[in-house]
PDB file of N, CA and C in Angstrom:
ATOM      1  N   MET A   1       0.977  -1.190   0.053  1.00  0.00           N
ATOM      2  CA  MET A   1       0.087  -0.147   0.113  1.00  0.00           C
ATOM      3  C   MET A   1       0.796   1.128   0.033  1.00  0.00           C
ATOM      4  N   PRO A   2       0.557   2.455  -0.309  1.00  0.00           N
ATOM      5  CA  PRO A   2       1.131   3.622  -0.445  1.00  0.00           C
ATOM      6  C   PRO A   2       1.419   4.213   0.911  1.00  0.00           C
ATOM      7  N   LEU A   3       2.337   4.897   1.019  1.00  0.00           N
ATOM      8  CA  LEU A   3       2.808   5.612   2.257  1.00  0.00           C
ATOM      9  C   LEU A   3       1.458   6.473   2.687  1.00  0.00           C
ATOM     10  N   THR A   4       0.938   6.999   2.105  1.00  0.00           N
ATOM     11  CA  THR A   4      -0.288   8.166   2.268  1.00  0.00           C
ATOM     12  C   THR A   4      -1.277   7.174   3.204  1.00  0.00           C
ATOM     13  N   MET A   5      -1.392   5.997   2.947  1.00  0.00           N
ATOM     14  CA  MET A   5      -2.434   5.026   3.542  1.00  0.00           C
ATOM     15  C   MET A   5      -2.119   4.876   5.215  1.00  0.00           C
ATOM     16  N   VAL A   6      -0.887   4.934   5.482  1.00  0.00           N
ATOM     17  CA  VAL A   6      -0.397   4.445   6.799  1.00  0.00           C
ATOM     18  C   VAL A   6      -0.537   5.803   7.723  1.00  0.00           C
ATOM     19  N   GLY A   7      -1.241   5.484   8.990  1.00  0.00           N
ATOM     20  CA  GLY A   7      -1.371   6.534   9.924  1.00  0.00           C
ATOM     21  C   GLY A   7      -0.148   7.080  10.674  1.00  0.00           C
ATOM     22  N   ALA A   8      -0.396   8.299  11.248  1.00  0.00           N
ATOM     23  CA  ALA A   8       1.119   8.917  11.748  1.00  0.00           C
ATOM     24  C   ALA A   8       1.337   8.035  13.165  1.00  0.00           C
ATOM     25  N   GLY A   9       2.498   7.742  13.198  1.00  0.00           N
ATOM     26  CA  GLY A   9       3.138   6.935  14.393  1.00  0.00           C
ATOM     27  C   GLY A   9       3.387   5.760  14.271  1.00  0.00           C
ATOM     28  N   GLU A  10       2.864   5.192  13.166  1.00  0.00           N
ATOM     29  CA  GLU A  10       2.748   3.646  12.747  1.00  0.00           C
ATOM     30  C   GLU A  10       4.345   3.095  11.888  1.00  0.00           C
ATOM     31  N   PRO A  11       5.300   2.719  12.789  1.00  0.00           N
ATOM     32  CA  PRO A  11       6.418   2.275  11.988  1.00  0.00           C
ATOM     33  C   PRO A  11       6.114   1.290  10.836  1.00  0.00           C
ATOM     34  N   VAL A  12       6.755   1.529   9.479  1.00  0.00           N
ATOM     35  CA  VAL A  12       6.547   0.851   8.432  1.00  0.00           C
ATOM     36  C   VAL A  12       7.672   0.416   7.656  1.00  0.00           C
ATOM     37  N   THR A  13       7.740  -0.293   6.723  1.00  0.00           N
ATOM     38  CA  THR A  13       9.230  -0.623   6.120  1.00  0.00           C
ATOM     39  C   THR A  13       8.845  -0.676   4.757  1.00  0.00           C
ATOM     40  N   ILE A  14       9.793  -0.111   3.886  1.00  0.00           N
ATOM     41  CA  ILE A  14       9.745   0.348   2.470  1.00  0.00           C
ATOM     42  C   ILE A  14       9.902  -0.805   1.797  1.00  0.00           C
ATOM     43  N   LYS A  15       8.762  -1.261   0.966  1.00  0.00           N
ATOM     44  CA  LYS A  15       8.842  -2.417   0.077  1.00  0.00           C
ATOM     45  C   LYS A  15       9.118  -2.110  -1.307  1.00  0.00           C
ATOM     46  N   ARG A  16       8.894  -1.073  -1.860  1.00  0.00           N
ATOM     47  CA  ARG A  16       9.225  -0.537  -3.382  1.00  0.00           C
ATOM     48  C   ARG A  16       8.905   1.059  -3.304  1.00  0.00           C
ATOM     49  N   ILE A  17       9.593   1.531  -4.466  1.00  0.00           N
ATOM     50  CA  ILE A  17       9.810   2.831  -4.595  1.00  0.00           C
ATOM     51  C   ILE A  17       9.326   2.817  -6.084  1.00  0.00           C
ATOM     52  N   GLY A  18       8.357   3.623  -6.457  1.00  0.00           N
ATOM     53  CA  GLY A  18       7.802   3.666  -7.992  1.00  0.00           C
ATOM     54  C   GLY A  18       8.274   5.041  -8.526  1.00  0.00           C
ATOM     55  N   GLY A  19       7.828   4.984  -9.864  1.00  0.00           N
ATOM     56  CA  GLY A  19       7.926   6.487 -10.457  1.00  0.00           C
ATOM     57  C   GLY A  19       9.258   6.441 -11.370  1.00  0.00           C
ATOM     58  N   LYS A  20       9.632   7.760 -11.866  1.00  0.00           N
ATOM     59  CA  LYS A  20      10.759   7.627 -12.709  1.00  0.00           C
ATOM     60  C   LYS A  20      12.183   7.529 -12.059  1.00  0.00           C
ATOM     61  N   ALA A  21      13.330   7.422 -12.967  1.00  0.00           N
ATOM     62  CA  ALA A  21      14.469   7.161 -12.236  1.00  0.00           C
ATOM     63  C   ALA A  21      14.833   8.405 -11.267  1.00  0.00           C
ATOM     64  N   GLU A  22      14.556   9.700 -11.893  1.00  0.00           N
ATOM     65  CA  GLU A  22      15.032  10.771 -11.276  1.00  0.00           C
ATOM     66  C   GLU A  22      14.176  10.701  -9.827  1.00  0.00           C
ATOM     67  N   THR A  23      13.082   9.995  -9.973  1.00  0.00           N
ATOM     68  CA  THR A  23      12.233  10.362  -8.512  1.00  0.00           C
ATOM     69  C   THR A  23      12.721   9.654  -7.521  1.00  0.00           C
ATOM     70  N   LYS A  24      13.143   8.091  -8.136  1.00  0.00           N
ATOM     71  CA  LYS A  24      13.906   7.227  -7.242  1.00  0.00           C
ATOM     72  C   LYS A  24      15.196   7.833  -6.487  1.00  0.00           C
ATOM     73  N   LYS A  25      16.302   8.256  -7.418  1.00  0.00           N
ATOM     74  CA  LYS A  25      17.342   8.784  -7.016  1.00  0.00           C
ATOM     75  C   LYS A  25      16.978  10.014  -6.118  1.00  0.00           C
ATOM     76  N   PHE A  26      16.215  10.765  -6.169  1.00  0.00           N
ATOM     77  CA  PHE A  26      15.826  11.912  -5.197  1.00  0.00           C
ATOM     78  C   PHE A  26      15.609  11.090  -3.862  1.00  0.00           C
ATOM     79  N   LEU A  27      14.577  10.510  -3.911  1.00  0.00           N
ATOM     80  CA  LEU A  27      14.234   9.787  -2.526  1.00  0.00           C
ATOM     81  C   LEU A  27      15.292   9.001  -1.976  1.00  0.00           C
ATOM     82  N   GLU A  28      16.232   8.443  -2.581  1.00  0.00           N
ATOM     83  CA  GLU A  28      17.266   7.483  -2.050  1.00  0.00           C
ATOM     84  C   GLU A  28      18.105   8.708  -1.467  1.00  0.00           C
ATOM     85  N   SER A  29      18.328   9.734  -2.213  1.00  0.00           N
ATOM     86  CA  SER A  29      19.345  10.695  -1.476  1.00  0.00           C
ATOM     87  C   SER A  29      18.857  11.298  -0.508  1.00  0.00           C
ATOM     88  N   LEU A  30      17.510  11.159  -0.140  1.00  0.00           N
ATOM     89  CA  LEU A  30      16.998  11.544   1.399  1.00  0.00           C
ATOM     90  C   LEU A  30      16.986  10.359   2.462  1.00  0.00           C
ATOM     91  N   GLY A  31      17.285   9.028   1.934  1.00  0.00           N
ATOM     92  CA  GLY A  31      17.600   8.178   2.844  1.00  0.00           C
ATOM     93  C   GLY A  31      16.531   7.101   2.880  1.00  0.00           C
ATOM     94  N   PHE A  32      15.281   7.212   1.862  1.00  0.00           N
ATOM     95  CA  PHE A  32      14.465   6.241   1.391  1.00  0.00           C
ATOM     96  C   PHE A  32      14.992   5.049   0.510  1.00  0.00           C
ATOM     97  N   HIS A  33      15.090   4.001   1.429  1.00  0.00           N
ATOM     98  CA  HIS A  33      15.711   2.697   0.497  1.00  0.00           C
ATOM     99  C   HIS A  33      14.805   1.719   0.877  1.00  0.00           C
ATOM    100  N   ILE A  34      14.610   0.605   0.066  1.00  0.00           N
ATOM    101  CA  ILE A  34      13.969  -0.648   0.311  1.00  0.00           C
ATOM    102  C   ILE A  34      14.599  -1.280   1.532  1.00  0.00           C
ATOM    103  N   GLY A  35      13.309  -1.409   2.380  1.00  0.00           N
ATOM    104  CA  GLY A  35      14.136  -2.727   3.523  1.00  0.00           C
ATOM    105  C   GLY A  35      14.239  -1.455   4.462  1.00  0.00           C
ATOM    106  N   GLU A  36      14.148   0.016   4.391  1.00  0.00           N
ATOM    107  CA  GLU A  36      14.217   0.842   5.374  1.00  0.00           C
ATOM    108  C   GLU A  36      13.082   1.000   6.287  1.00  0.00           C
ATOM    109  N   GLU A  37      13.214   1.312   7.597  1.00  0.00           N
ATOM    110  CA  GLU A  37      12.065   1.504   8.461  1.00  0.00           C
ATOM    111  C   GLU A  37      11.941   2.755   8.704  1.00  0.00           C
ATOM    112  N   ILE A  38      10.426   3.437   8.401  1.00  0.00           N
ATOM    113  CA  ILE A  38      10.129   4.844   8.298  1.00  0.00           C
ATOM    114  C   ILE A  38       8.983   5.009   9.046  1.00  0.00           C
ATOM    115  N   MET A  39       8.733   6.232   9.559  1.00  0.00           N
ATOM    116  CA  MET A  39       7.435   6.482  10.294  1.00  0.00           C
ATOM    117  C   MET A  39       6.870   7.732   9.658  1.00  0.00           C
ATOM    118  N   ILE A  40       5.438   8.062   9.474  1.00  0.00           N
ATOM    119  CA  ILE A  40       5.025   9.276   9.440  1.00  0.00           C
ATOM    120  C   ILE A  40       4.819  10.124  10.785  1.00  0.00           C
ATOM    121  N   VAL A  41       5.483  11.376  10.774  1.00  0.00           N
ATOM    122  CA  VAL A  41       5.394  11.995  12.124  1.00  0.00           C
ATOM    123  C   VAL A  41       4.150  13.034  12.125  1.00  0.00           C
ATOM    124  N   SER A  42       3.577  13.421  10.949  1.00  0.00           N
ATOM    125  CA  SER A  42       2.460  14.109  10.831  1.00  0.00           C
ATOM    126  C   SER A  42       2.131  14.727   9.497  1.00  0.00           C
ATOM    127  N   THR A  43       0.900  15.350   9.040  1.00  0.00           N
ATOM    128  CA  THR A  43       0.539  15.388   7.845  1.00  0.00           C
ATOM    129  C   THR A  43      -0.122  16.706   7.844  1.00  0.00           C
ATOM    130  N   ASN A  44       0.386  17.664   6.821  1.00  0.00           N
ATOM    131  CA  ASN A  44       0.172  19.139   7.016  1.00  0.00           C
ATOM    132  C   ASN A  44      -0.273  19.662   5.525  1.00  0.00           C
ATOM    133  N   GLN A  45      -1.536  19.948   5.036  1.00  0.00           N
ATOM    134  CA  GLN A  45      -2.080  20.472   3.819  1.00  0.00           C
ATOM    135  C   GLN A  45      -1.432  19.750   2.606  1.00  0.00           C
ATOM    136  N   GLY A  46      -1.273  18.548   2.693  1.00  0.00           N
ATOM    137  CA  GLY A  46      -0.693  17.711   1.534  1.00  0.00           C
ATOM    138  C   GLY A  46       0.616  17.017   1.716  1.00  0.00           C
ATOM    139  N   ASN A  47       1.265  17.841   2.653  1.00  0.00           N
ATOM    140  CA  ASN A  47       2.776  17.650   2.815  1.00  0.00           C
ATOM    141  C   ASN A  47       2.942  16.391   4.075  1.00  0.00           C
ATOM    142  N   ILE A  48       3.640  15.448   3.789  1.00  0.00           N
ATOM    143  CA  ILE A  48       4.172  14.735   4.793  1.00  0.00           C
ATOM    144  C   ILE A  48       5.210  14.737   5.549  1.00  0.00           C
ATOM    145  N   ILE A  49       5.249  14.625   6.751  1.00  0.00           N
ATOM    146  CA  ILE A  49       6.352  14.755   7.594  1.00  0.00           C
ATOM    147  C   ILE A  49       7.170  13.267   7.971  1.00  0.00           C
ATOM    148  N   VAL A  50       8.082  12.695   7.292  1.00  0.00           N
ATOM    149  CA  VAL A  50       8.339  11.265   7.471  1.00  0.00           C
ATOM    150  C   VAL A  50       9.854  11.134   8.284  1.00  0.00           C
ATOM    151  N   GLN A  51       9.886  10.161   9.492  1.00  0.00           N
ATOM    152  CA  GLN A  51      11.145  10.338   9.841  1.00  0.00           C
ATOM    153  C   GLN A  51      12.030   8.963   9.477  1.00  0.00           C
ATOM    154  N   VAL A  52      12.986   9.205   8.874  1.00  0.00           N
ATOM    155  CA  VAL A  52      13.795   8.646   8.041  1.00  0.00           C
ATOM    156  C   VAL A  52      15.168   8.510   8.689  1.00  0.00           C
ATOM    157  N   LYS A  53      15.462   7.410   9.475  1.00  0.00           N
ATOM    158  CA  LYS A  53      16.861   7.084  10.398  1.00  0.00           C
ATOM    159  C   LYS A  53      16.525   8.173  11.555  1.00  0.00           C
ATOM    160  N   GLU A  54      17.527   9.153  11.722  1.00  0.00           N
ATOM    161  CA  GLU A  54      17.577   9.629  12.624  1.00  0.00           C
ATOM    162  C   GLU A  54      16.958  11.410  12.227  1.00  0.00           C
ATOM    163  N   SER A  55      16.550  11.465  11.125  1.00  0.00           N
ATOM    164  CA  SER A  55      16.131  12.929  10.511  1.00  0.00           C
ATOM    165  C   SER A  55      14.592  12.734  10.212  1.00  0.00           C
ATOM    166  N   ARG A  56      14.290  14.031   9.892  1.00  0.00           N
ATOM    167  CA  ARG A  56      13.009  14.086   9.387  1.00  0.00           C
ATOM    168  C   ARG A  56      12.845  14.969   8.299  1.00  0.00           C
ATOM    169  N   VAL A  57      12.030  14.356   7.151  1.00  0.00           N
ATOM    170  CA  VAL A  57      11.841  14.855   6.205  1.00  0.00           C
ATOM    171  C   VAL A  57      10.528  15.345   5.270  1.00  0.00           C
ATOM    172  N   ALA A  58       9.987  16.144   4.829  1.00  0.00           N
ATOM    173  CA  ALA A  58       8.890  16.796   4.263  1.00  0.00           C
ATOM    174  C   ALA A  58       8.926  16.420   2.925  1.00  0.00           C
ATOM    175  N   ILE A  59       7.792  15.430   2.179  1.00  0.00           N
ATOM    176  CA  ILE A  59       7.642  15.303   1.235  1.00  0.00           C
ATOM    177  C   ILE A  59       6.065  15.604   0.754  1.00  0.00           C
ATOM    178  N   SER A  60       5.971  15.728  -0.480  1.00  0.00           N
ATOM    179  CA  SER A  60       4.599  15.810  -1.108  1.00  0.00           C
ATOM    180  C   SER A  60       3.878  14.468  -1.158  1.00  0.00           C
ATOM    181  N   GLN A  61       2.516  14.901  -1.158  1.00  0.00           N
ATOM    182  CA  GLN A  61       1.490  13.738  -1.174  1.00  0.00           C
ATOM    183  C   GLN A  61       1.864  12.889  -2.492  1.00  0.00           C
ATOM    184  N   GLY A  62       1.937  13.491  -3.433  1.00  0.00           N
ATOM    185  CA  GLY A  62       2.189  12.977  -4.667  1.00  0.00           C
ATOM    186  C   GLY A  62       3.677  11.887  -4.605  1.00  0.00           C
ATOM    187  N   ILE A  63       4.438  12.551  -3.817  1.00  0.00           N
ATOM    188  CA  ILE A  63       5.752  11.683  -3.744  1.00  0.00           C
ATOM    189  C   ILE A  63       5.590  10.572  -2.839  1.00  0.00           C
ATOM    190  N   ALA A  64       5.031  10.752  -2.071  1.00  0.00           N
ATOM    191  CA  ALA A  64       4.449   9.660  -0.687  1.00  0.00           C
ATOM    192  C   ALA A  64       3.687   8.769  -1.547  1.00  0.00           C
ATOM    193  N   ASN A  65       2.793   8.799  -2.448  1.00  0.00           N
ATOM    194  CA  ASN A  65       2.161   7.803  -3.204  1.00  0.00           C
ATOM    195  C   ASN A  65       3.000   6.993  -3.940  1.00  0.00           C
ATOM    196  N   LYS A  66       4.128   7.276  -4.382  1.00  0.00           N
ATOM    197  CA  LYS A  66       5.317   6.399  -5.146  1.00  0.00           C
ATOM    198  C   LYS A  66       5.874   5.338  -4.239  1.00  0.00           C
ATOM    199  N   ILE A  67       5.844   5.738  -2.946  1.00  0.00           N
ATOM    200  CA  ILE A  67       6.740   4.786  -1.735  1.00  0.00           C
ATOM    201  C   ILE A  67       5.503   3.999  -1.219  1.00  0.00           C
ATOM    202  N   MET A  68       5.951   2.550  -1.597  1.00  0.00           N
ATOM    203  CA  MET A  68       5.055   1.430  -1.261  1.00  0.00           C
ATOM    204  C   MET A  68       5.744   0.906   0.249  1.00  0.00           C
ATOM    205  N   VAL A  69       4.767   0.548   0.859  1.00  0.00           N
ATOM    206  CA  VAL A  69       4.970  -0.229   2.168  1.00  0.00           C
ATOM    207  C   VAL A  69       4.314  -1.381   2.712  1.00  0.00           C
TER     208      VAL A  69
END
């Protein structure tokens, strides 16, 4: 299921990252790798704040739909 379907505070593991090669590369540069455990911290007006490792990253809902957990 896409990351946007997960509730805040629920840790999940990334199964697949979809989209174009440039989108995948962008997400990998932010720390989104297959097998990585992430957690949604909060959502705000279409933006999603995600905890990846020890940092928090804000991504758009469109990008979050490309991350399958």
